Amino acid sequence: MIRIVQLRDKCIGCNACVEAAHTRWRISRKDGKSVLIGAVKNKNVHSVIVGDDELIENMQALRNCPTRVIQIIKLK
C-alpha cells in the first residue's frame, strides 16, 4: 500500500500528473488545478491510500511535477 499526498495550494495545473496517471489525477474545471481522485482533504493537504499497483504511474507523476507538490509514502 502507498499513500499519495498532494499539497494542492501550490499546484500550477500543468497537467503532468494527469498525463502520467490519468486514473488517479484530473484537472479541476473550477480552478484549473489537479485533483487527486479519491483523496481526503485535511486543510490544503489531500491524501489517498492505494494499492502498490498504482506505484509506478504515480511515481512518474511525482517526477513530472515541476512544483514538487506530490509525495508518495510506502506503507507497511
PDB file of N, CA and C in Angstrom:
ATOM      1  N   MET A   1       0.851  -1.184   0.000  1.00  0.00           N
ATOM      2  CA  MET A   1       0.000   0.000   0.000  1.00  0.00           C
ATOM      3  C   MET A   1       0.899   1.250   0.000  1.00  0.00           C
ATOM      4  N   ILE A   2       0.391   2.276  -0.647  1.00  0.00           N
ATOM      5  CA  ILE A   2       1.086   3.561  -0.667  1.00  0.00           C
ATOM      6  C   ILE A   2       0.094   4.670  -0.357  1.00  0.00           C
ATOM      7  N   ARG A   3       0.630   5.743   0.213  1.00  0.00           N
ATOM      8  CA  ARG A   3      -0.161   6.951   0.430  1.00  0.00           C
ATOM      9  C   ARG A   3       0.356   8.003  -0.544  1.00  0.00           C
ATOM     10  N   ILE A   4      -0.562   8.581  -1.311  1.00  0.00           N
ATOM     11  CA  ILE A   4      -0.224   9.673  -2.214  1.00  0.00           C
ATOM     12  C   ILE A   4      -0.705  10.951  -1.554  1.00  0.00           C
ATOM     13  N   VAL A   5       0.177  11.928  -1.473  1.00  0.00           N
ATOM     14  CA  VAL A   5      -0.126  13.193  -0.808  1.00  0.00           C
ATOM     15  C   VAL A   5       0.086  14.325  -1.809  1.00  0.00           C
ATOM     16  N   GLN A   6      -0.843  15.270  -1.806  1.00  0.00           N
ATOM     17  CA  GLN A   6      -0.742  16.432  -2.678  1.00  0.00           C
ATOM     18  C   GLN A   6      -0.899  17.703  -1.855  1.00  0.00           C
ATOM     19  N   LEU A   7       0.016  18.636  -2.035  1.00  0.00           N
ATOM     20  CA  LEU A   7      -0.087  19.969  -1.440  1.00  0.00           C
ATOM     21  C   LEU A   7      -0.749  20.855  -2.493  1.00  0.00           C
ATOM     22  N   ARG A   8      -2.063  20.816  -2.500  1.00  0.00           N
ATOM     23  CA  ARG A   8      -2.832  21.358  -3.621  1.00  0.00           C
ATOM     24  C   ARG A   8      -2.689  22.871  -3.818  1.00  0.00           C
ATOM     25  N   ASP A   9      -2.504  23.634  -2.775  1.00  0.00           N
ATOM     26  CA  ASP A   9      -2.423  25.092  -2.935  1.00  0.00           C
ATOM     27  C   ASP A   9      -1.225  25.519  -3.774  1.00  0.00           C
ATOM     28  N   LYS A  10      -0.204  24.678  -3.877  1.00  0.00           N
ATOM     29  CA  LYS A  10       0.989  25.011  -4.652  1.00  0.00           C
ATOM     30  C   LYS A  10       0.940  24.475  -6.080  1.00  0.00           C
ATOM     31  N   CYS A  11      -0.125  23.771  -6.424  1.00  0.00           N
ATOM     32  CA  CYS A  11      -0.278  23.214  -7.775  1.00  0.00           C
ATOM     33  C   CYS A  11      -0.472  24.346  -8.784  1.00  0.00           C
ATOM     34  N   ILE A  12       0.165  24.197  -9.952  1.00  0.00           N
ATOM     35  CA  ILE A  12       0.013  25.203 -11.010  1.00  0.00           C
ATOM     36  C   ILE A  12      -0.861  24.697 -12.159  1.00  0.00           C
ATOM     37  N   GLY A  13      -1.373  23.472 -12.054  1.00  0.00           N
ATOM     38  CA  GLY A  13      -2.280  22.939 -13.068  1.00  0.00           C
ATOM     39  C   GLY A  13      -1.625  22.643 -14.396  1.00  0.00           C
ATOM     40  N   CYS A  14      -0.400  22.154 -14.384  1.00  0.00           N
ATOM     41  CA  CYS A  14       0.329  21.909 -15.633  1.00  0.00           C
ATOM     42  C   CYS A  14      -0.093  20.626 -16.343  1.00  0.00           C
ATOM     43  N   ASN A  15      -0.846  19.759 -15.668  1.00  0.00           N
ATOM     44  CA  ASN A  15      -1.389  18.529 -16.246  1.00  0.00           C
ATOM     45  C   ASN A  15      -0.387  17.373 -16.304  1.00  0.00           C
ATOM     46  N   ALA A  16       0.818  17.543 -15.788  1.00  0.00           N
ATOM     47  CA  ALA A  16       1.838  16.494 -15.854  1.00  0.00           C
ATOM     48  C   ALA A  16       1.417  15.246 -15.083  1.00  0.00           C
ATOM     49  N   CYS A  17       0.762  15.404 -13.957  1.00  0.00           N
ATOM     50  CA  CYS A  17       0.322  14.254 -13.168  1.00  0.00           C
ATOM     51  C   CYS A  17      -0.784  13.492 -13.886  1.00  0.00           C
ATOM     52  N   VAL A  18      -1.671  14.210 -14.541  1.00  0.00           N
ATOM     53  CA  VAL A  18      -2.771  13.582 -15.280  1.00  0.00           C
ATOM     54  C   VAL A  18      -2.220  12.750 -16.439  1.00  0.00           C
ATOM     55  N   GLU A  19      -1.229  13.282 -17.117  1.00  0.00           N
ATOM     56  CA  GLU A  19      -0.628  12.558 -18.235  1.00  0.00           C
ATOM     57  C   GLU A  19       0.053  11.275 -17.778  1.00  0.00           C
ATOM     58  N   ALA A  20       0.633  11.287 -16.587  1.00  0.00           N
ATOM     59  CA  ALA A  20       1.336  10.109 -16.072  1.00  0.00           C
ATOM     60  C   ALA A  20       0.390   9.093 -15.446  1.00  0.00           C
ATOM     61  N   ALA A  21      -0.646   9.553 -14.756  1.00  0.00           N
ATOM     62  CA  ALA A  21      -1.541   8.659 -14.007  1.00  0.00           C
ATOM     63  C   ALA A  21      -2.979   9.153 -14.119  1.00  0.00           C
ATOM     64  N   HIS A  22      -3.543   9.021 -15.288  1.00  0.00           N
ATOM     65  CA  HIS A  22      -4.882   9.585 -15.544  1.00  0.00           C
ATOM     66  C   HIS A  22      -5.999   8.914 -14.752  1.00  0.00           C
ATOM     67  N   THR A  23      -5.766   7.741 -14.199  1.00  0.00           N
ATOM     68  CA  THR A  23      -6.812   7.101 -13.389  1.00  0.00           C
ATOM     69  C   THR A  23      -6.853   7.654 -11.972  1.00  0.00           C
ATOM     70  N   ARG A  24      -5.822   8.383 -11.549  1.00  0.00           N
ATOM     71  CA  ARG A  24      -5.757   8.912 -10.187  1.00  0.00           C
ATOM     72  C   ARG A  24      -5.805  10.435 -10.147  1.00  0.00           C
ATOM     73  N   TRP A  25      -5.560  11.108 -11.274  1.00  0.00           N
ATOM     74  CA  TRP A  25      -5.492  12.570 -11.308  1.00  0.00           C
ATOM     75  C   TRP A  25      -6.396  13.122 -12.407  1.00  0.00           C
ATOM     76  N   ARG A  26      -6.928  14.321 -12.173  1.00  0.00           N
ATOM     77  CA  ARG A  26      -7.665  15.056 -13.196  1.00  0.00           C
ATOM     78  C   ARG A  26      -7.497  16.545 -12.911  1.00  0.00           C
ATOM     79  N   ILE A  27      -7.854  17.354 -13.879  1.00  0.00           N
ATOM     80  CA  ILE A  27      -7.771  18.807 -13.711  1.00  0.00           C
ATOM     81  C   ILE A  27      -9.166  19.332 -13.367  1.00  0.00           C
ATOM     82  N   SER A  28      -9.223  20.179 -12.343  1.00  0.00           N
ATOM     83  CA  SER A  28     -10.484  20.767 -11.899  1.00  0.00           C
ATOM     84  C   SER A  28     -10.961  21.817 -12.893  1.00  0.00           C
ATOM     85  N   ARG A  29     -12.237  21.790 -13.200  1.00  0.00           N
ATOM     86  CA  ARG A  29     -12.818  22.822 -14.060  1.00  0.00           C
ATOM     87  C   ARG A  29     -13.023  24.124 -13.298  1.00  0.00           C
ATOM     88  N   LYS A  30     -13.073  24.051 -11.965  1.00  0.00           N
ATOM     89  CA  LYS A  30     -13.294  25.255 -11.157  1.00  0.00           C
ATOM     90  C   LYS A  30     -12.060  26.150 -11.088  1.00  0.00           C
ATOM     91  N   ASP A  31     -10.912  25.546 -10.758  1.00  0.00           N
ATOM     92  CA  ASP A  31      -9.726  26.380 -10.548  1.00  0.00           C
ATOM     93  C   ASP A  31      -8.529  25.998 -11.405  1.00  0.00           C
ATOM     94  N   GLY A  32      -8.642  24.963 -12.229  1.00  0.00           N
ATOM     95  CA  GLY A  32      -7.555  24.586 -13.130  1.00  0.00           C
ATOM     96  C   GLY A  32      -6.412  23.838 -12.484  1.00  0.00           C
ATOM     97  N   LYS A  33      -6.549  23.492 -11.211  1.00  0.00           N
ATOM     98  CA  LYS A  33      -5.506  22.743 -10.514  1.00  0.00           C
ATOM     99  C   LYS A  33      -5.819  21.259 -10.570  1.00  0.00           C
ATOM    100  N   SER A  34      -4.805  20.439 -10.317  1.00  0.00           N
ATOM    101  CA  SER A  34      -5.036  18.999 -10.350  1.00  0.00           C
ATOM    102  C   SER A  34      -5.788  18.537  -9.108  1.00  0.00           C
ATOM    103  N   VAL A  35      -6.553  17.483  -9.308  1.00  0.00           N
ATOM    104  CA  VAL A  35      -7.350  16.876  -8.243  1.00  0.00           C
ATOM    105  C   VAL A  35      -6.872  15.444  -8.066  1.00  0.00           C
ATOM    106  N   LEU A  36      -6.555  15.068  -6.852  1.00  0.00           N
ATOM    107  CA  LEU A  36      -6.183  13.705  -6.518  1.00  0.00           C
ATOM    108  C   LEU A  36      -7.473  12.927  -6.283  1.00  0.00           C
ATOM    109  N   ILE A  37      -7.845  12.094  -7.227  1.00  0.00           N
ATOM    110  CA  ILE A  37      -9.126  11.385  -7.197  1.00  0.00           C
ATOM    111  C   ILE A  37      -9.180  10.428  -6.003  1.00  0.00           C
ATOM    112  N   GLY A  38     -10.253  10.532  -5.226  1.00  0.00           N
ATOM    113  CA  GLY A  38     -10.458   9.674  -4.067  1.00  0.00           C
ATOM    114  C   GLY A  38      -9.805  10.169  -2.795  1.00  0.00           C
ATOM    115  N   ALA A  39      -9.198  11.336  -2.848  1.00  0.00           N
ATOM    116  CA  ALA A  39      -8.444  11.846  -1.702  1.00  0.00           C
ATOM    117  C   ALA A  39      -9.338  12.407  -0.608  1.00  0.00           C
ATOM    118  N   VAL A  40      -8.791  12.366   0.587  1.00  0.00           N
ATOM    119  CA  VAL A  40      -9.398  13.008   1.747  1.00  0.00           C
ATOM    120  C   VAL A  40      -8.659  14.322   1.948  1.00  0.00           C
ATOM    121  N   LYS A  41      -9.408  15.380   2.193  1.00  0.00           N
ATOM    122  CA  LYS A  41      -8.821  16.713   2.360  1.00  0.00           C
ATOM    123  C   LYS A  41      -8.665  17.036   3.839  1.00  0.00           C
ATOM    124  N   ASN A  42      -7.469  17.492   4.214  1.00  0.00           N
ATOM    125  CA  ASN A  42      -7.196  17.984   5.559  1.00  0.00           C
ATOM    126  C   ASN A  42      -6.492  19.320   5.378  1.00  0.00           C
ATOM    127  N   LYS A  43      -7.242  20.396   5.528  1.00  0.00           N
ATOM    128  CA  LYS A  43      -6.791  21.755   5.196  1.00  0.00           C
ATOM    129  C   LYS A  43      -6.477  21.772   3.715  1.00  0.00           C
ATOM    130  N   ASN A  44      -5.245  22.037   3.324  1.00  0.00           N
ATOM    131  CA  ASN A  44      -4.925  22.038   1.898  1.00  0.00           C
ATOM    132  C   ASN A  44      -4.076  20.846   1.494  1.00  0.00           C
ATOM    133  N   VAL A  45      -4.015  19.841   2.353  1.00  0.00           N
ATOM    134  CA  VAL A  45      -3.289  18.618   2.053  1.00  0.00           C
ATOM    135  C   VAL A  45      -4.311  17.536   1.697  1.00  0.00           C
ATOM    136  N   HIS A  46      -4.163  16.968   0.530  1.00  0.00           N
ATOM    137  CA  HIS A  46      -5.064  15.923   0.063  1.00  0.00           C
ATOM    138  C   HIS A  46      -4.274  14.617   0.041  1.00  0.00           C
ATOM    139  N   SER A  47      -4.877  13.525   0.520  1.00  0.00           N
ATOM    140  CA  SER A  47      -4.168  12.245   0.511  1.00  0.00           C
ATOM    141  C   SER A  47      -5.129  11.091   0.296  1.00  0.00           C
ATOM    142  N   VAL A  48      -4.577  10.028  -0.266  1.00  0.00           N
ATOM    143  CA  VAL A  48      -5.346   8.813  -0.528  1.00  0.00           C
ATOM    144  C   VAL A  48      -4.408   7.618  -0.379  1.00  0.00           C
ATOM    145  N   ILE A  49      -4.936   6.524   0.139  1.00  0.00           N
ATOM    146  CA  ILE A  49      -4.173   5.282   0.239  1.00  0.00           C
ATOM    147  C   ILE A  49      -4.640   4.367  -0.884  1.00  0.00           C
ATOM    148  N   VAL A  50      -3.680   3.856  -1.649  1.00  0.00           N
ATOM    149  CA  VAL A  50      -3.982   2.991  -2.791  1.00  0.00           C
ATOM    150  C   VAL A  50      -3.054   1.775  -2.778  1.00  0.00           C
ATOM    151  N   GLY A  51      -3.340   0.840  -3.639  1.00  0.00           N
ATOM    152  CA  GLY A  51      -2.533  -0.368  -3.744  1.00  0.00           C
ATOM    153  C   GLY A  51      -1.215  -0.124  -4.459  1.00  0.00           C
ATOM    154  N   ASP A  52      -0.297  -1.073  -4.282  1.00  0.00           N
ATOM    155  CA  ASP A  52       1.020  -0.987  -4.915  1.00  0.00           C
ATOM    156  C   ASP A  52       0.941  -0.989  -6.440  1.00  0.00           C
ATOM    157  N   ASP A  53      -0.168  -1.449  -6.996  1.00  0.00           N
ATOM    158  CA  ASP A  53      -0.323  -1.475  -8.445  1.00  0.00           C
ATOM    159  C   ASP A  53      -0.332  -0.074  -9.058  1.00  0.00           C
ATOM    160  N   GLU A  54      -0.543   0.956  -8.241  1.00  0.00           N
ATOM    161  CA  GLU A  54      -0.542   2.331  -8.739  1.00  0.00           C
ATOM    162  C   GLU A  54       0.795   3.049  -8.509  1.00  0.00           C
ATOM    163  N   LEU A  55       1.760   2.344  -7.952  1.00  0.00           N
ATOM    164  CA  LEU A  55       3.030   2.984  -7.597  1.00  0.00           C
ATOM    165  C   LEU A  55       3.781   3.534  -8.808  1.00  0.00           C
ATOM    166  N   ILE A  56       3.948   2.737  -9.831  1.00  0.00           N
ATOM    167  CA  ILE A  56       4.794   3.140 -10.967  1.00  0.00           C
ATOM    168  C   ILE A  56       4.260   4.399 -11.649  1.00  0.00           C
ATOM    169  N   GLU A  57       2.977   4.411 -11.967  1.00  0.00           N
ATOM    170  CA  GLU A  57       2.445   5.577 -12.682  1.00  0.00           C
ATOM    171  C   GLU A  57       2.421   6.826 -11.798  1.00  0.00           C
ATOM    172  N   ASN A  58       2.212   6.656 -10.501  1.00  0.00           N
ATOM    173  CA  ASN A  58       2.206   7.827  -9.621  1.00  0.00           C
ATOM    174  C   ASN A  58       3.615   8.299  -9.284  1.00  0.00           C
ATOM    175  N   MET A  59       4.592   7.403  -9.332  1.00  0.00           N
ATOM    176  CA  MET A  59       5.987   7.845  -9.208  1.00  0.00           C
ATOM    177  C   MET A  59       6.356   8.700 -10.421  1.00  0.00           C
ATOM    178  N   GLN A  60       5.828   8.335 -11.579  1.00  0.00           N
ATOM    179  CA  GLN A  60       6.064   9.143 -12.776  1.00  0.00           C
ATOM    180  C   GLN A  60       5.399  10.508 -12.631  1.00  0.00           C
ATOM    181  N   ALA A  61       4.198  10.537 -12.060  1.00  0.00           N
ATOM    182  CA  ALA A  61       3.520  11.814 -11.809  1.00  0.00           C
ATOM    183  C   ALA A  61       4.344  12.679 -10.863  1.00  0.00           C
ATOM    184  N   LEU A  62       4.890  12.059  -9.826  1.00  0.00           N
ATOM    185  CA  LEU A  62       5.741  12.774  -8.868  1.00  0.00           C
ATOM    186  C   LEU A  62       6.954  13.366  -9.577  1.00  0.00           C
ATOM    187  N   ARG A  63       7.619  12.561 -10.396  1.00  0.00           N
ATOM    188  CA  ARG A  63       8.819  13.034 -11.108  1.00  0.00           C
ATOM    189  C   ARG A  63       8.488  14.128 -12.115  1.00  0.00           C
ATOM    190  N   ASN A  64       7.313  14.054 -12.731  1.00  0.00           N
ATOM    191  CA  ASN A  64       6.930  15.035 -13.750  1.00  0.00           C
ATOM    192  C   ASN A  64       6.502  16.377 -13.170  1.00  0.00           C
ATOM    193  N   CYS A  65       6.100  16.394 -11.920  1.00  0.00           N
ATOM    194  CA  CYS A  65       5.549  17.612 -11.309  1.00  0.00           C
ATOM    195  C   CYS A  65       6.631  18.694 -11.149  1.00  0.00           C
ATOM    196  N   PRO A  66       6.494  19.824 -11.840  1.00  0.00           N
ATOM    197  CA  PRO A  66       7.517  20.870 -11.750  1.00  0.00           C
ATOM    198  C   PRO A  66       7.533  21.607 -10.411  1.00  0.00           C
ATOM    199  N   THR A  67       6.435  21.583  -9.682  1.00  0.00           N
ATOM    200  CA  THR A  67       6.377  22.294  -8.405  1.00  0.00           C
ATOM    201  C   THR A  67       6.585  21.374  -7.204  1.00  0.00           C
ATOM    202  N   ARG A  68       6.754  20.082  -7.457  1.00  0.00           N
ATOM    203  CA  ARG A  68       7.048  19.094  -6.398  1.00  0.00           C
ATOM    204  C   ARG A  68       5.993  19.098  -5.288  1.00  0.00           C
ATOM    205  N   VAL A  69       4.734  19.080  -5.682  1.00  0.00           N
ATOM    206  CA  VAL A  69       3.647  19.098  -4.696  1.00  0.00           C
ATOM    207  C   VAL A  69       3.095  17.703  -4.390  1.00  0.00           C
ATOM    208  N   ILE A  70       3.691  16.676  -5.007  1.00  0.00           N
ATOM    209  CA  ILE A  70       3.249  15.297  -4.799  1.00  0.00           C
ATOM    210  C   ILE A  70       4.276  14.552  -3.967  1.00  0.00           C
ATOM    211  N   GLN A  71       3.791  13.785  -3.007  1.00  0.00           N
ATOM    212  CA  GLN A  71       4.642  12.906  -2.204  1.00  0.00           C
ATOM    213  C   GLN A  71       4.052  11.512  -2.246  1.00  0.00           C
ATOM    214  N   ILE A  72       4.911  10.507  -2.206  1.00  0.00           N
ATOM    215  CA  ILE A  72       4.466   9.119  -2.135  1.00  0.00           C
ATOM    216  C   ILE A  72       5.147   8.470  -0.950  1.00  0.00           C
ATOM    217  N   ILE A  73       4.326   7.873  -0.082  1.00  0.00           N
ATOM    218  CA  ILE A  73       4.842   7.238   1.132  1.00  0.00           C
ATOM    219  C   ILE A  73       4.482   5.763   1.079  1.00  0.00           C
ATOM    220  N   LYS A  74       5.468   4.911   1.190  1.00  0.00           N
ATOM    221  CA  LYS A  74       5.245   3.467   1.212  1.00  0.00           C
ATOM    222  C   LYS A  74       4.776   3.074   2.611  1.00  0.00           C
ATOM    223  N   LEU A  75       3.630   2.401   2.684  1.00  0.00           N
ATOM    224  CA  LEU A  75       3.072   1.969   3.963  1.00  0.00           C
ATOM    225  C   LEU A  75       3.421   0.503   4.217  1.00  0.00           C
ATOM    226  N   LYS A  76       3.470   0.144   5.464  1.00  0.00           N
ATOM    227  CA  LYS A  76       3.795  -1.255   5.820  1.00  0.00           C
ATOM    228  C   LYS A  76       2.601  -2.141   5.698  1.00  0.00           C
TER     229      LYS A  76
END
